[in-house]
C-alpha atoms as a PDB file:
ATOM      1  CA  MET A   1     -32.129 -40.080   8.911  1.00  0.00           C
ATOM      2  CA  LYS A   2     -32.748 -38.097  12.048  1.00  0.00           C
ATOM      3  CA  LEU A   3     -30.067 -35.751  13.408  1.00  0.00           C
ATOM      4  CA  THR A   4     -29.170 -35.877  17.067  1.00  0.00           C
ATOM      5  CA  ARG A   5     -29.022 -32.694  19.112  1.00  0.00           C
ATOM      6  CA  PRO A   6     -25.141 -32.448  18.980  1.00  0.00           C
ATOM      7  CA  GLN A   7     -25.202 -32.991  15.200  1.00  0.00           C
ATOM      8  CA  LEU A   8     -27.860 -30.299  14.793  1.00  0.00           C
ATOM      9  CA  VAL A   9     -25.844 -27.822  16.904  1.00  0.00           C
ATOM     10  CA  ALA A  10     -22.630 -28.596  14.975  1.00  0.00           C
ATOM     11  CA  THR A  11     -24.408 -28.170  11.618  1.00  0.00           C
ATOM     12  CA  THR A  12     -25.884 -24.852  12.727  1.00  0.00           C
ATOM     13  CA  VAL A  13     -22.481 -23.560  13.909  1.00  0.00           C
ATOM     14  CA  ILE A  14     -20.850 -24.557  10.621  1.00  0.00           C
ATOM     15  CA  LEU A  15     -23.580 -22.901   8.541  1.00  0.00           C
ATOM     16  CA  VAL A  16     -23.378 -19.668  10.555  1.00  0.00           C
ATOM     17  CA  ALA A  17     -19.583 -19.614  10.221  1.00  0.00           C
ATOM     18  CA  LEU A  18     -19.739 -20.160   6.445  1.00  0.00           C
ATOM     19  CA  GLY A  19     -22.396 -17.464   6.131  1.00  0.00           C
ATOM     20  CA  SER A  20     -20.230 -15.008   8.079  1.00  0.00           C
ATOM     21  CA  ILE A  21     -17.198 -15.746   5.911  1.00  0.00           C
ATOM     22  CA  LEU A  22     -19.234 -15.303   2.730  1.00  0.00           C
ATOM     23  CA  TYR A  23     -20.746 -12.036   3.986  1.00  0.00           C
ATOM     24  CA  LYS A  24     -17.307 -10.623   4.905  1.00  0.00           C
ATOM     25  CA  ALA A  25     -15.799 -11.687   1.572  1.00  0.00           C
ATOM     26  CA  LEU A  26     -18.486  -9.824  -0.354  1.00  0.00           C
ATOM     27  CA  GLN A  27     -17.884  -6.510   1.450  1.00  0.00           C
ATOM     28  CA  PRO A  28     -16.221  -3.842  -0.743  1.00  0.00           C
ATOM     29  CA  GLU A  29     -13.364  -3.285   1.751  1.00  0.00           C
ATOM     30  CA  SER A  30     -12.496  -6.982   2.014  1.00  0.00           C
ATOM     31  CA  SER A  31      -9.655  -6.664  -0.484  1.00  0.00           C
ATOM     32  CA  VAL A  32      -7.242  -3.886  -1.337  1.00  0.00           C
ATOM     33  CA  THR A  33      -6.192  -3.386  -4.939  1.00  0.00           C
ATOM     34  CA  PHE A  34      -2.761  -2.216  -6.081  1.00  0.00           C
ATOM     35  CA  PHE A  35      -2.611   0.702  -8.529  1.00  0.00           C
ATOM     36  CA  THR A  36       0.254   2.524 -10.202  1.00  0.00           C
ATOM     37  CA  PRO A  37       0.739   6.219  -9.382  1.00  0.00           C
ATOM     38  CA  ALA A  38      -0.279   7.076 -12.961  1.00  0.00           C
ATOM     39  CA  GLU A  39      -3.604   5.251 -12.502  1.00  0.00           C
ATOM     40  CA  VAL A  40      -4.329   7.200  -9.317  1.00  0.00           C
ATOM     41  CA  TYR A  41      -3.501  10.503 -11.027  1.00  0.00           C
ATOM     42  CA  ALA A  42      -5.696   9.574 -14.020  1.00  0.00           C
ATOM     43  CA  SER A  43      -8.879   9.350 -11.913  1.00  0.00           C
ATOM     44  CA  PRO A  44      -8.244  10.477  -8.316  1.00  0.00           C
ATOM     45  CA  GLN A  45     -11.945  10.793  -7.448  1.00  0.00           C
ATOM     46  CA  LYS A  46     -12.123   6.965  -7.297  1.00  0.00           C
ATOM     47  CA  PHE A  47      -9.562   6.846  -4.464  1.00  0.00           C
ATOM     48  CA  VAL A  48     -10.996   9.277  -1.903  1.00  0.00           C
ATOM     49  CA  ASP A  49     -13.461   6.814  -0.344  1.00  0.00           C
ATOM     50  CA  ARG A  50     -11.533   3.669  -1.238  1.00  0.00           C
ATOM     51  CA  THR A  51      -8.529   2.002   0.347  1.00  0.00           C
ATOM     52  CA  PHE A  52      -5.848   1.260  -2.248  1.00  0.00           C
ATOM     53  CA  ARG A  53      -2.148   0.469  -2.514  1.00  0.00           C
ATOM     54  CA  VAL A  54       0.399   2.405  -4.534  1.00  0.00           C
ATOM     55  CA  SER A  55       4.192   2.208  -4.691  1.00  0.00           C
ATOM     56  CA  GLY A  56       7.040   4.598  -5.335  1.00  0.00           C
ATOM     57  CA  LEU A  57      10.378   5.811  -4.050  1.00  0.00           C
ATOM     58  CA  VAL A  58      10.696   7.792  -0.828  1.00  0.00           C
ATOM     59  CA  LEU A  59      12.182  11.097  -1.991  1.00  0.00           C
ATOM     60  CA  ALA A  60      15.428  12.209  -0.351  1.00  0.00           C
ATOM     61  CA  GLY A  61      15.107  15.011   2.192  1.00  0.00           C
ATOM     62  CA  THR A  62      11.354  14.577   2.692  1.00  0.00           C
ATOM     63  CA  LYS A  63      11.189  12.232   5.695  1.00  0.00           C
ATOM     64  CA  ASP A  64       9.750  13.952   8.787  1.00  0.00           C
ATOM     65  CA  TRP A  65       9.414  11.703  11.858  1.00  0.00           C
ATOM     66  CA  ASP A  66       7.618  12.943  14.982  1.00  0.00           C
ATOM     67  CA  GLY A  67       8.631  10.317  17.550  1.00  0.00           C
ATOM     68  CA  ASN A  68       6.493  11.750  20.351  1.00  0.00           C
ATOM     69  CA  ASN A  69       3.242  11.438  18.396  1.00  0.00           C
ATOM     70  CA  LYS A  70       4.457   8.566  16.178  1.00  0.00           C
ATOM     71  CA  ILE A  71       3.586  10.395  12.949  1.00  0.00           C
ATOM     72  CA  LEU A  72       5.680   9.905   9.825  1.00  0.00           C
ATOM     73  CA  LYS A  73       5.395  12.271   6.863  1.00  0.00           C
ATOM     74  CA  PHE A  74       7.262  11.892   3.589  1.00  0.00           C
ATOM     75  CA  ARG A  75       6.947  12.357  -0.162  1.00  0.00           C
ATOM     76  CA  MET A  76       6.985   9.470  -2.600  1.00  0.00           C
ATOM     77  CA  SER A  77       7.245   9.470  -6.375  1.00  0.00           C
ATOM     78  CA  ASP A  78       7.313   7.170  -9.367  1.00  0.00           C
ATOM     79  CA  LEU A  79       9.903   9.573 -10.871  1.00  0.00           C
ATOM     80  CA  LYS A  80       7.516  10.230 -13.770  1.00  0.00           C
ATOM     81  CA  GLY A  81       5.778  13.285 -12.317  1.00  0.00           C
ATOM     82  CA  HIS A  82       3.345  11.452 -10.047  1.00  0.00           C
ATOM     83  CA  ASP A  83       4.197  12.507  -6.484  1.00  0.00           C
ATOM     84  CA  PHE A  84       2.274  11.998  -3.256  1.00  0.00           C
ATOM     85  CA  SER A  85       2.620  13.322   0.272  1.00  0.00           C
ATOM     86  CA  VAL A  86       2.110  10.515   2.759  1.00  0.00           C
ATOM     87  CA  VAL A  87       1.021  10.796   6.393  1.00  0.00           C
ATOM     88  CA  TYR A  88       1.335   7.613   8.455  1.00  0.00           C
ATOM     89  CA  LYS A  89       0.444   7.276  12.135  1.00  0.00           C
ATOM     90  CA  GLY A  90       2.441   4.491  13.724  1.00  0.00           C
ATOM     91  CA  VAL A  91       5.979   3.193  13.854  1.00  0.00           C
ATOM     92  CA  PRO A  92       7.534   2.802  10.383  1.00  0.00           C
ATOM     93  CA  PRO A  93       9.106  -0.507   9.308  1.00  0.00           C
ATOM     94  CA  ASP A  94      12.744  -0.994  10.381  1.00  0.00           C
ATOM     95  CA  LEU A  95      14.041  -0.880   6.796  1.00  0.00           C
ATOM     96  CA  PHE A  96      12.195   2.350   5.937  1.00  0.00           C
ATOM     97  CA  LYS A  97      14.544   5.062   4.636  1.00  0.00           C
ATOM     98  CA  GLU A  98      14.812   7.765   2.013  1.00  0.00           C
ATOM     99  CA  GLY A  99      15.616   6.533  -1.483  1.00  0.00           C
ATOM    100  CA  GLN A 100      13.956   3.190  -0.690  1.00  0.00           C
ATOM    101  CA  GLY A 101      10.951   1.728  -2.478  1.00  0.00           C
ATOM    102  CA  VAL A 102       7.741   1.718  -0.455  1.00  0.00           C
ATOM    103  CA  VAL A 103       4.196   0.432  -0.856  1.00  0.00           C
ATOM    104  CA  VAL A 104       1.581   2.624   0.809  1.00  0.00           C
ATOM    105  CA  GLU A 105      -1.942   1.505   1.667  1.00  0.00           C
ATOM    106  CA  GLY A 106      -4.442   4.247   2.399  1.00  0.00           C
ATOM    107  CA  ARG A 107      -6.890   6.815   1.034  1.00  0.00           C
ATOM    108  CA  LEU A 108      -6.556  10.171  -0.683  1.00  0.00           C
ATOM    109  CA  ASN A 109      -7.535  13.290   1.259  1.00  0.00           C
ATOM    110  CA  THR A 110      -9.168  14.971  -1.725  1.00  0.00           C
ATOM    111  CA  PRO A 111      -9.746  14.247  -5.427  1.00  0.00           C
ATOM    112  CA  ASP A 112      -7.923  17.485  -6.373  1.00  0.00           C
ATOM    113  CA  LEU A 113      -4.310  16.313  -6.574  1.00  0.00           C
ATOM    114  CA  LYS A 114      -3.104  19.735  -7.746  1.00  0.00           C
ATOM    115  CA  THR A 115      -3.890  21.301  -4.366  1.00  0.00           C
ATOM    116  CA  ASP A 116      -3.459  18.281  -2.062  1.00  0.00           C
ATOM    117  CA  SER A 117      -1.896  14.973  -3.082  1.00  0.00           C
ATOM    118  CA  THR A 118      -1.837  13.545   0.446  1.00  0.00           C
ATOM    119  CA  ILE A 119      -2.460   9.884   1.169  1.00  0.00           C
ATOM    120  CA  GLN A 120      -3.577   9.051   4.701  1.00  0.00           C
ATOM    121  CA  ALA A 121      -1.713   5.758   5.073  1.00  0.00           C
ATOM    122  CA  ASN A 122      -2.750   2.925   7.350  1.00  0.00           C
ATOM    123  CA  LEU A 123       0.009   0.535   6.217  1.00  0.00           C
ATOM    124  CA  LEU A 124       3.595   0.925   4.971  1.00  0.00           C
ATOM    125  CA  MET A 125       5.605  -1.865   3.387  1.00  0.00           C
ATOM    126  CA  VAL A 126       9.232  -1.458   2.383  1.00  0.00           C
ATOM    127  CA  LYS A 127      10.213  -2.751  -1.039  1.00  0.00           C
ATOM    128  CA  HIS A 128      13.690  -4.083  -1.432  1.00  0.00           C
ATOM    129  CA  SER A 129      15.593  -6.183  -3.875  1.00  0.00           C
ATOM    130  CA  GLU A 130      15.952  -9.864  -3.115  1.00  0.00           C
ATOM    131  CA  VAL A 131      19.372  -9.834  -4.748  1.00  0.00           C
ATOM    132  CA  TYR A 132      22.401  -9.571  -2.483  1.00  0.00           C
ATOM    133  CA  ASP A 133      24.828  -6.967  -3.765  1.00  0.00           C
ATOM    134  CA  THR A 134      28.281  -6.181  -2.470  1.00  0.00           C
ATOM    135  CA  LYS A 135      29.281  -2.602  -1.685  1.00  0.00           C
ATOM    136  CA  GLU A 136      31.281  -2.504  -4.912  1.00  0.00           C
ATOM    137  CA  ASP A 137      28.208  -3.412  -7.010  1.00  0.00           C
ATOM    138  CA  HIS A 138      26.858  -0.868  -9.454  1.00  0.00           C
ATOM    139  CA  SER A 139      24.386   1.456  -7.753  1.00  0.00           C
ATOM    140  CA  LYS A 140      22.737   2.370 -11.085  1.00  0.00           C
ATOM    141  CA  MET A 141      21.945  -1.309 -11.692  1.00  0.00           C
ATOM    142  CA  ARG A 142      20.346  -1.629  -8.240  1.00  0.00           C
ATOM    143  CA  GLU A 143      18.275   1.501  -8.843  1.00  0.00           C
ATOM    144  CA  ALA A 144      17.139   0.206 -12.247  1.00  0.00           C
ATOM    145  CA  ARG A 145      16.108  -3.143 -10.732  1.00  0.00           C
ATOM    146  CA  LEU A 146      14.172  -1.387  -7.968  1.00  0.00           C
ATOM    147  CA  MET A 147      12.372   0.892 -10.452  1.00  0.00           C
ATOM    148  CA  ASP A 148      11.476  -2.112 -12.625  1.00  0.00           C
ATOM    149  CA  ASP A 149      10.010  -3.784  -9.537  1.00  0.00           C
ATOM    150  CA  ILE A 150       8.087  -0.671  -8.445  1.00  0.00           C
ATOM    151  CA  LEU A 151       6.639   0.003 -11.881  1.00  0.00           C
ATOM    152  CA  LYS A 152       5.879  -3.653 -12.584  1.00  0.00           C
ATOM    153  CA  GLY A 153       2.809  -3.966 -14.781  1.00  0.00           C
ATOM    154  CA  GLU A 154       2.979  -0.408 -16.087  1.00  0.00           C
ATOM    155  CA  LYS A 155       3.274  -0.158 -19.869  1.00  0.00           C
ATOM    156  CA  LYS A 156       6.683   0.917 -21.120  1.00  0.00           C
ATOM    157  CA  TYR A 157       6.744   3.083 -24.208  1.00  0.00           C
END
């Protein structure tokens, strides 16, 4: 069977497109992995040159928004001694606030977390409960649900 010129062109385009997709999928930065704060603290040297995601609570009184330069700085924690300073350039999500769960995607500044635990963030995602609660609902129960969601997958002792 002999291919016509249009069939040959179409086949070539399809093969080039599939090759490009395969090449991009095999790049190390093609996917971002989620880690717990404890995992990042256990081996921080792995996260300096690698984009990763980590979640925690935005600590009260730490939000610093520079509207002119669109730079947001805050501290986040898993409330188990693993705290990070976060610097994000861009407009934060509408639901972003202190005391709220947040997922941060970015890189560490340095592997020495004792002197600098800053994450240069390129993406912020607000975590919130999918359960509707009335104002009279128990705030401790909401906080417990949020912490369970944030620390999902981490071993409980």
